[in-house]
N, C-alpha and C. Protein backbone atom coordinates (compact mmCIF):
# COMPACT_ATOMS: atom_id res chain seq x y z
N MET A 1 16.79 -30.78 24.78
CA MET A 1 16.42 -32.54 23.51
C MET A 1 16.37 -31.96 22.35
N THR A 2 17.06 -32.82 21.48
CA THR A 2 16.99 -32.23 19.83
C THR A 2 16.15 -33.64 19.86
N THR A 3 15.41 -33.57 18.52
CA THR A 3 14.79 -34.17 17.99
C THR A 3 15.31 -36.11 18.28
N SER A 4 15.69 -36.15 17.97
CA SER A 4 16.78 -37.36 17.70
C SER A 4 17.31 -38.25 19.60
N ASP A 5 16.81 -37.47 20.18
CA ASP A 5 16.75 -37.83 21.39
C ASP A 5 15.53 -37.81 21.87
N SER A 6 14.47 -37.42 21.27
CA SER A 6 13.40 -37.72 21.69
C SER A 6 12.16 -38.59 22.31
N PRO A 7 11.89 -39.64 22.63
CA PRO A 7 11.13 -40.89 22.44
C PRO A 7 10.53 -40.88 21.27
N VAL A 8 10.11 -41.95 20.72
CA VAL A 8 9.87 -42.68 19.89
C VAL A 8 8.72 -41.87 19.17
N GLY A 9 8.01 -41.49 18.57
CA GLY A 9 6.54 -40.69 17.99
C GLY A 9 6.22 -39.75 18.21
N GLN A 10 7.38 -38.90 19.53
CA GLN A 10 6.66 -37.61 19.95
C GLN A 10 8.22 -36.89 19.06
N GLN A 11 7.61 -35.90 19.24
CA GLN A 11 8.56 -34.10 18.74
C GLN A 11 8.53 -33.43 19.99
N PRO A 12 9.90 -32.79 19.74
CA PRO A 12 10.03 -31.39 20.34
C PRO A 12 9.47 -30.75 21.12
N PHE A 13 8.46 -30.34 20.10
CA PHE A 13 7.52 -29.20 19.89
C PHE A 13 5.87 -29.23 19.45
N ALA A 14 5.20 -29.04 20.55
CA ALA A 14 3.47 -29.46 19.85
C ALA A 14 2.75 -28.02 19.74
N ARG A 15 2.96 -26.60 19.88
CA ARG A 15 2.88 -26.20 19.68
C ARG A 15 3.92 -25.30 18.89
N ILE A 16 3.46 -24.22 17.72
CA ILE A 16 4.23 -23.34 16.58
C ILE A 16 3.82 -22.69 16.50
N VAL A 17 4.86 -21.30 16.83
CA VAL A 17 3.87 -20.14 15.98
C VAL A 17 5.17 -19.98 14.78
N ILE A 18 4.32 -19.51 13.42
CA ILE A 18 5.33 -18.80 11.99
C ILE A 18 5.18 -17.45 12.31
N GLY A 19 5.79 -16.69 12.25
CA GLY A 19 5.88 -15.07 11.62
C GLY A 19 5.45 -15.56 10.13
N ILE A 20 4.56 -14.64 9.63
CA ILE A 20 4.15 -14.63 8.45
C ILE A 20 4.02 -12.52 7.85
N ASP A 21 5.28 -12.70 6.48
CA ASP A 21 5.30 -10.95 6.36
C ASP A 21 4.94 -11.22 5.04
N PHE A 22 4.81 -12.20 4.34
CA PHE A 22 4.22 -12.42 3.22
C PHE A 22 5.84 -12.47 1.86
N SER A 23 6.56 -12.55 2.45
CA SER A 23 7.63 -12.77 1.57
C SER A 23 8.55 -14.33 1.50
N ARG A 24 9.48 -14.36 1.00
CA ARG A 24 9.45 -15.57 0.72
C ARG A 24 10.26 -16.54 1.65
N SER A 25 11.50 -15.69 2.38
CA SER A 25 11.76 -15.83 3.61
C SER A 25 10.71 -16.53 4.86
N SER A 26 9.59 -15.45 4.56
CA SER A 26 8.88 -16.43 5.44
C SER A 26 7.68 -17.37 5.19
N GLU A 27 7.85 -17.39 3.82
CA GLU A 27 6.98 -18.64 3.10
C GLU A 27 8.17 -19.45 3.45
N ASN A 28 9.53 -19.46 2.99
CA ASN A 28 10.31 -20.92 3.33
C ASN A 28 10.41 -21.43 4.80
N ALA A 29 9.88 -20.20 6.20
CA ALA A 29 9.94 -21.13 7.30
C ALA A 29 8.93 -21.51 7.53
N LEU A 30 7.64 -20.79 6.50
CA LEU A 30 6.20 -21.70 7.11
C LEU A 30 6.54 -23.65 6.33
N HIS A 31 7.14 -23.81 5.35
CA HIS A 31 7.31 -24.68 4.80
C HIS A 31 7.78 -25.50 5.50
N LEU A 32 9.07 -25.02 6.32
CA LEU A 32 10.55 -25.64 6.90
C LEU A 32 9.43 -26.42 8.20
N ALA A 33 8.60 -25.35 8.72
CA ALA A 33 8.09 -25.46 9.97
C ALA A 33 6.80 -27.14 9.55
N ARG A 34 6.36 -27.23 8.22
CA ARG A 34 5.26 -27.92 8.14
C ARG A 34 6.10 -29.21 7.73
N ALA A 35 6.75 -29.41 7.70
CA ALA A 35 7.94 -30.42 6.96
C ALA A 35 8.63 -31.10 8.44
N ARG A 36 9.24 -30.17 9.16
CA ARG A 36 10.28 -30.74 10.49
C ARG A 36 8.75 -30.98 11.99
N PHE A 37 8.08 -30.37 11.71
CA PHE A 37 7.02 -30.71 12.70
C PHE A 37 5.61 -30.74 12.06
N PRO A 38 5.44 -32.05 11.29
CA PRO A 38 4.13 -31.79 11.12
C PRO A 38 2.82 -32.88 11.92
N ASN A 39 3.25 -32.72 13.09
CA ASN A 39 2.18 -33.06 13.87
C ASN A 39 1.64 -32.13 15.19
N ALA A 40 2.24 -30.50 15.03
CA ALA A 40 2.73 -30.00 15.84
C ALA A 40 1.02 -28.84 15.46
N GLU A 41 0.72 -28.23 16.52
CA GLU A 41 -0.70 -27.12 16.06
C GLU A 41 0.32 -26.02 15.75
N ARG A 42 0.45 -25.74 14.55
CA ARG A 42 0.86 -24.28 13.91
C ARG A 42 0.00 -23.23 14.07
N LEU A 43 0.66 -22.03 14.63
CA LEU A 43 -0.74 -20.69 14.40
C LEU A 43 0.44 -19.97 13.81
N LEU A 44 -0.33 -19.37 12.44
CA LEU A 44 0.41 -18.13 11.68
C LEU A 44 0.02 -17.01 11.96
N ILE A 45 1.48 -16.75 11.84
CA ILE A 45 0.87 -14.78 12.36
C ILE A 45 1.32 -13.97 12.12
N HIS A 46 0.16 -12.40 11.31
CA HIS A 46 0.61 -12.07 10.92
C HIS A 46 0.99 -11.11 11.77
N VAL A 47 2.02 -9.45 11.60
CA VAL A 47 1.76 -8.81 12.07
C VAL A 47 1.59 -7.24 11.38
N LEU A 48 0.73 -6.71 11.43
CA LEU A 48 0.24 -5.15 10.92
C LEU A 48 1.11 -4.42 11.65
N ASP A 49 2.22 -4.03 10.70
CA ASP A 49 3.52 -3.26 11.39
C ASP A 49 3.08 -1.78 12.17
N ALA A 50 2.10 -1.35 12.73
CA ALA A 50 1.27 0.18 12.95
C ALA A 50 2.14 1.04 13.90
N ARG A 51 3.92 1.22 13.81
CA ARG A 51 4.54 2.30 13.94
C ARG A 51 4.82 3.55 13.46
N ALA A 52 4.70 4.71 13.85
CA ALA A 52 5.20 5.83 13.48
C ALA A 52 5.60 5.58 12.45
N ALA A 53 5.54 6.66 10.97
CA ALA A 53 6.16 6.68 10.03
C ALA A 53 6.40 8.18 9.63
N ALA A 54 7.38 8.10 9.22
CA ALA A 54 7.69 9.89 8.81
C ALA A 54 7.60 10.25 7.67
N VAL A 55 7.23 11.52 7.29
CA VAL A 55 6.80 12.18 6.20
C VAL A 55 7.40 13.58 6.03
N PRO A 56 7.44 14.05 4.88
CA PRO A 56 8.88 15.40 4.58
C PRO A 56 7.54 16.42 5.17
N ASP A 57 8.49 17.55 6.27
CA ASP A 57 7.59 18.48 6.73
C ASP A 57 7.73 19.33 5.67
N LEU A 58 7.17 19.93 5.01
CA LEU A 58 6.54 20.57 3.69
C LEU A 58 7.34 22.05 3.63
N SER A 59 7.72 22.56 5.13
CA SER A 59 8.48 23.54 5.73
C SER A 59 9.79 23.83 5.80
N GLY A 60 10.02 22.39 5.91
CA GLY A 60 11.80 22.41 5.71
C GLY A 60 12.21 21.99 7.08
N ALA A 61 11.49 22.17 7.59
CA ALA A 61 11.82 21.23 9.08
C ALA A 61 12.03 20.03 9.64
N GLY A 62 12.35 19.60 8.72
CA GLY A 62 12.88 18.19 8.76
C GLY A 62 11.58 16.48 8.26
N THR A 63 10.90 15.99 9.43
CA THR A 63 10.43 15.13 9.10
C THR A 63 9.23 15.02 10.47
N ILE A 64 7.79 14.62 9.95
CA ILE A 64 6.74 14.83 10.95
C ILE A 64 6.53 13.53 11.31
N PRO A 65 6.13 12.80 12.03
CA PRO A 65 5.58 11.71 12.10
C PRO A 65 4.16 11.43 12.49
N THR A 66 4.10 9.93 11.65
CA THR A 66 2.20 9.48 11.30
C THR A 66 1.33 9.03 11.58
N PHE A 67 0.58 8.28 12.01
CA PHE A 67 -0.09 6.76 11.99
C PHE A 67 -0.75 6.59 11.32
N PRO A 68 -0.81 5.16 11.49
CA PRO A 68 -1.87 5.16 10.76
C PRO A 68 -3.45 5.11 11.15
N SER A 69 -4.17 5.74 10.17
CA SER A 69 -5.82 5.97 10.50
C SER A 69 -6.58 4.72 10.82
N ALA A 70 -7.54 4.40 11.60
CA ALA A 70 -7.92 3.18 12.20
C ALA A 70 -8.53 2.39 10.24
N GLU A 71 -9.07 3.49 9.70
CA GLU A 71 -9.33 3.03 8.59
C GLU A 71 -8.64 2.33 7.77
N MET A 72 -7.41 3.37 7.30
CA MET A 72 -6.26 2.22 6.60
C MET A 72 -6.12 1.53 7.03
N LEU A 73 -5.61 0.89 8.85
CA LEU A 73 -5.59 0.05 9.26
C LEU A 73 -6.18 -0.95 9.17
N SER A 74 -7.33 -1.20 9.44
CA SER A 74 -8.96 -2.26 9.09
C SER A 74 -8.84 -2.33 7.35
N THR A 75 -8.28 -1.96 6.22
CA THR A 75 -8.28 -2.05 5.28
C THR A 75 -6.87 -3.03 4.82
N LEU A 76 -5.95 -2.42 5.27
CA LEU A 76 -4.84 -3.27 5.40
C LEU A 76 -4.94 -4.49 6.13
N SER A 77 -5.78 -4.56 6.92
CA SER A 77 -5.88 -5.63 7.72
C SER A 77 -6.60 -7.03 7.28
N GLU A 78 -8.05 -6.46 6.24
CA GLU A 78 -8.77 -7.42 5.33
C GLU A 78 -7.47 -7.80 4.15
N THR A 79 -7.03 -7.21 3.87
CA THR A 79 -5.94 -7.26 2.82
C THR A 79 -5.31 -8.80 3.14
N ASP A 80 -4.87 -7.97 4.21
CA ASP A 80 -3.93 -9.22 4.60
C ASP A 80 -4.14 -10.29 5.52
N ARG A 81 -5.54 -10.27 5.71
CA ARG A 81 -6.08 -11.53 5.67
C ARG A 81 -6.05 -12.72 4.90
N ALA A 82 -6.60 -11.72 3.91
CA ALA A 82 -7.15 -12.89 2.70
C ALA A 82 -5.86 -13.45 2.28
N GLN A 83 -5.11 -13.21 2.17
CA GLN A 83 -3.30 -13.25 1.48
C GLN A 83 -3.24 -14.23 2.02
N LEU A 84 -2.93 -14.05 4.13
CA LEU A 84 -3.19 -15.55 5.18
C LEU A 84 -3.97 -16.32 5.18
N ASP A 85 -5.42 -16.29 4.05
CA ASP A 85 -5.75 -17.39 3.79
C ASP A 85 -5.74 -18.21 3.18
N LYS A 86 -5.27 -17.70 2.02
CA LYS A 86 -4.45 -18.50 1.06
C LYS A 86 -3.49 -19.88 1.64
N LEU A 87 -2.74 -19.08 2.06
CA LEU A 87 -1.31 -20.00 3.39
C LEU A 87 -1.41 -20.69 3.75
N THR A 88 -2.25 -20.32 4.88
CA THR A 88 -3.14 -21.56 6.19
C THR A 88 -3.94 -22.83 5.25
N GLU A 89 -3.24 -23.86 6.11
CA GLU A 89 -3.58 -25.36 5.82
C GLU A 89 -4.81 -25.55 6.53
N VAL A 90 -5.97 -26.66 6.15
CA VAL A 90 -6.71 -27.47 6.88
C VAL A 90 -5.73 -27.26 8.51
N GLY A 91 -6.31 -26.85 9.89
CA GLY A 91 -5.98 -27.53 10.78
C GLY A 91 -5.13 -26.29 11.10
N GLU A 92 -4.73 -25.79 10.54
CA GLU A 92 -3.94 -24.51 11.09
C GLU A 92 -4.41 -23.63 11.20
N SER A 93 -4.17 -22.43 12.75
CA SER A 93 -4.86 -21.50 13.06
C SER A 93 -4.31 -20.28 12.29
N GLN A 94 -4.69 -19.08 12.49
CA GLN A 94 -3.78 -17.88 11.83
C GLN A 94 -4.43 -16.75 12.64
N GLU A 95 -4.04 -15.45 13.00
CA GLU A 95 -4.18 -14.50 13.22
C GLU A 95 -3.66 -13.71 12.59
N THR A 96 -4.01 -12.06 12.70
CA THR A 96 -3.60 -10.96 12.26
C THR A 96 -3.28 -10.28 13.23
N VAL A 97 -2.43 -9.62 13.69
CA VAL A 97 -2.04 -8.35 15.43
C VAL A 97 -1.48 -7.44 14.94
N ILE A 98 -1.90 -5.77 15.27
CA ILE A 98 -1.06 -4.87 15.02
C ILE A 98 -0.33 -4.18 15.75
N GLY A 99 0.76 -4.37 15.61
CA GLY A 99 2.42 -3.12 16.90
C GLY A 99 3.66 -3.47 15.92
N ASP A 100 4.30 -3.25 16.65
CA ASP A 100 5.83 -4.08 16.54
C ASP A 100 5.58 -4.85 16.08
N PRO A 101 6.32 -4.88 15.08
CA PRO A 101 6.14 -6.79 14.84
C PRO A 101 7.16 -7.36 15.25
N ALA A 102 7.79 -7.64 15.89
CA ALA A 102 8.79 -8.46 16.63
C ALA A 102 8.07 -8.33 18.20
N SER A 103 7.55 -7.52 19.37
CA SER A 103 7.08 -7.54 20.61
C SER A 103 5.74 -8.18 19.70
N ALA A 104 5.48 -7.91 18.61
CA ALA A 104 3.23 -8.71 18.44
C ALA A 104 3.61 -10.14 18.53
N LEU A 105 4.67 -10.66 17.48
CA LEU A 105 4.94 -11.57 17.31
C LEU A 105 5.38 -12.65 18.81
N VAL A 106 6.23 -12.02 19.42
CA VAL A 106 6.35 -12.73 20.40
C VAL A 106 6.03 -12.81 21.63
N ASP A 107 4.52 -12.01 21.67
CA ASP A 107 3.79 -11.82 23.00
C ASP A 107 2.45 -12.24 21.91
N ALA A 108 2.28 -12.31 20.68
CA ALA A 108 1.26 -13.44 20.82
C ALA A 108 1.46 -14.82 21.02
N ALA A 109 2.93 -15.51 20.16
CA ALA A 109 2.95 -16.28 20.61
C ALA A 109 3.27 -17.11 22.79
N LYS A 110 3.46 -16.02 22.94
CA LYS A 110 3.52 -16.40 24.78
C LYS A 110 2.03 -16.31 25.45
N GLN A 111 1.25 -15.63 24.53
CA GLN A 111 -0.73 -15.57 24.68
C GLN A 111 -1.08 -17.16 24.19
N TRP A 112 -0.70 -17.77 23.25
CA TRP A 112 -1.48 -18.93 22.57
C TRP A 112 -0.58 -20.22 23.63
N GLY A 113 0.85 -19.60 24.31
CA GLY A 113 1.31 -20.85 24.68
C GLY A 113 2.21 -21.68 23.67
N ALA A 114 3.03 -21.08 23.24
CA ALA A 114 3.82 -21.57 22.31
C ALA A 114 4.64 -22.55 22.04
N GLU A 115 5.05 -22.94 22.04
CA GLU A 115 6.72 -24.02 22.31
C GLU A 115 7.90 -23.64 21.53
N LEU A 116 7.52 -22.99 20.46
CA LEU A 116 8.52 -22.68 19.64
C LEU A 116 8.43 -21.27 18.57
N ILE A 117 8.89 -20.33 18.09
CA ILE A 117 8.93 -19.53 17.23
C ILE A 117 9.47 -19.84 15.89
N VAL A 118 8.70 -19.34 14.92
CA VAL A 118 9.91 -20.10 13.83
C VAL A 118 9.48 -18.74 12.60
N VAL A 119 10.76 -18.02 12.72
CA VAL A 119 10.81 -17.05 11.58
C VAL A 119 11.77 -16.55 10.34
N GLY A 120 11.10 -16.34 8.95
CA GLY A 120 12.36 -15.58 8.28
C GLY A 120 13.38 -14.67 8.64
N SER A 121 14.27 -15.39 7.63
CA SER A 121 15.41 -13.59 8.03
C SER A 121 15.82 -12.97 6.55
N HIS A 122 15.27 -12.18 6.39
CA HIS A 122 15.87 -11.19 5.33
C HIS A 122 16.86 -11.26 5.40
N GLN A 123 17.26 -10.78 4.09
CA GLN A 123 19.00 -10.22 3.50
C GLN A 123 19.04 -9.08 3.59
N GLN A 124 19.98 -7.69 4.74
CA GLN A 124 19.85 -6.56 5.02
C GLN A 124 21.01 -6.20 4.51
N GLY A 125 20.82 -4.93 4.04
CA GLY A 125 22.38 -4.07 4.30
C GLY A 125 22.86 -3.68 5.87
N ALA A 126 24.33 -3.33 4.85
CA ALA A 126 24.95 -3.36 6.69
C ALA A 126 24.57 -2.22 7.31
N ILE A 127 24.26 -1.25 6.73
CA ILE A 127 23.06 0.54 7.34
C ILE A 127 21.86 0.09 7.63
N GLU A 128 21.18 -0.88 7.25
CA GLU A 128 20.50 -1.06 7.89
C GLU A 128 19.87 -1.90 8.84
N ARG A 129 20.85 -3.36 9.09
CA ARG A 129 21.30 -3.82 9.98
C ARG A 129 21.34 -3.08 11.39
N PHE A 130 22.66 -2.09 11.00
CA PHE A 130 23.35 -1.46 11.94
C PHE A 130 22.18 -0.47 12.73
N PHE A 131 21.11 0.45 12.01
CA PHE A 131 20.15 1.43 12.78
C PHE A 131 18.88 0.51 12.87
N VAL A 132 18.80 -0.54 12.44
CA VAL A 132 17.61 -1.21 12.94
C VAL A 132 17.66 -2.13 13.66
N GLY A 133 17.96 -2.96 13.08
CA GLY A 133 18.17 -4.73 13.59
C GLY A 133 17.07 -5.28 12.36
N SER A 134 17.26 -6.80 12.65
CA SER A 134 15.88 -7.02 11.83
C SER A 134 15.24 -7.76 13.06
N VAL A 135 13.98 -8.22 12.66
CA VAL A 135 12.58 -8.45 13.52
C VAL A 135 13.24 -9.93 14.15
N ALA A 136 13.89 -10.77 12.99
CA ALA A 136 14.26 -12.11 13.27
C ALA A 136 15.29 -11.63 15.13
N GLU A 137 16.20 -10.53 14.83
CA GLU A 137 16.87 -10.62 15.75
C GLU A 137 16.50 -10.26 16.42
N GLN A 138 15.17 -9.52 16.75
CA GLN A 138 14.59 -8.97 18.19
C GLN A 138 13.88 -10.04 18.66
N VAL A 139 13.46 -10.53 17.06
CA VAL A 139 12.50 -11.53 18.60
C VAL A 139 13.44 -11.91 19.02
N LEU A 140 14.58 -13.08 18.74
CA LEU A 140 15.56 -13.89 19.78
C LEU A 140 15.59 -13.42 20.72
N LYS A 141 15.77 -11.77 20.77
CA LYS A 141 16.37 -11.05 22.04
C LYS A 141 14.89 -11.34 22.92
N LYS A 142 13.53 -11.13 22.15
CA LYS A 142 12.58 -10.97 23.45
C LYS A 142 11.69 -12.59 23.44
N ALA A 143 11.86 -13.14 22.60
CA ALA A 143 11.72 -14.50 23.38
C ALA A 143 11.68 -15.22 24.28
N GLN A 144 10.60 -15.60 25.09
CA GLN A 144 11.21 -16.97 26.52
C GLN A 144 11.31 -18.08 25.53
N VAL A 145 10.55 -18.85 24.82
CA VAL A 145 10.89 -20.02 23.96
C VAL A 145 12.27 -19.98 22.92
N PRO A 146 12.20 -20.97 22.68
CA PRO A 146 13.28 -20.77 20.84
C PRO A 146 12.65 -20.50 20.26
N VAL A 147 13.61 -20.03 19.67
CA VAL A 147 13.75 -19.59 18.52
C VAL A 147 14.23 -20.17 16.93
N LEU A 148 13.35 -20.31 15.69
CA LEU A 148 14.03 -21.08 14.69
C LEU A 148 13.96 -20.16 13.92
N VAL A 149 15.34 -19.74 12.99
CA VAL A 149 15.35 -18.84 11.75
C VAL A 149 15.13 -19.21 10.65
N VAL A 150 14.74 -18.90 9.93
CA VAL A 150 15.52 -19.90 8.66
C VAL A 150 15.48 -18.82 7.35
N LYS A 151 16.97 -18.64 6.67
CA LYS A 151 17.53 -17.77 5.80
C LYS A 151 17.08 -18.39 4.82
N VAL A 152 16.38 -17.06 3.49
CA VAL A 152 16.39 -16.78 2.40
C VAL A 152 16.94 -18.03 1.69
N GLY A 153 16.56 -18.77 0.91
CA GLY A 153 16.93 -20.14 0.01
C GLY A 153 16.39 -21.26 1.25
N GLY A 154 16.16 -21.04 2.80
CA GLY A 154 16.03 -22.14 3.19
C GLY A 154 17.06 -22.44 4.25
């Protein structure tokens, strides 16, 4: 059903999750969700990426995976919540979760009962897209509800 097919006065999605990573593309996604679905309940979700990172092994053996400490995650989470506070409007909810960005976003949306997920899409180089893919692509694959992907520039 498209919005033009929906009954007068109703919109097709009542509960919308917007993925926020503080980039221009996620801000575009947020503005579009607000404009397109003004009466929907909106939950802004920021995912603190806690996946392993690699640091050089000084012995020359390559790299060593490292995980952020609990203290570092707490500090990052507080900083990100402060940024999220600035983006959140009256009547909107927010949540900061820790994990793999795509999986955590999809899981949080499912748990909240979202009917739509809105995410921004970053411009990536061919190599990065080949090896990693994008969070938006992964959300599209994992989500059990519709996903609206907003490109940079709207």
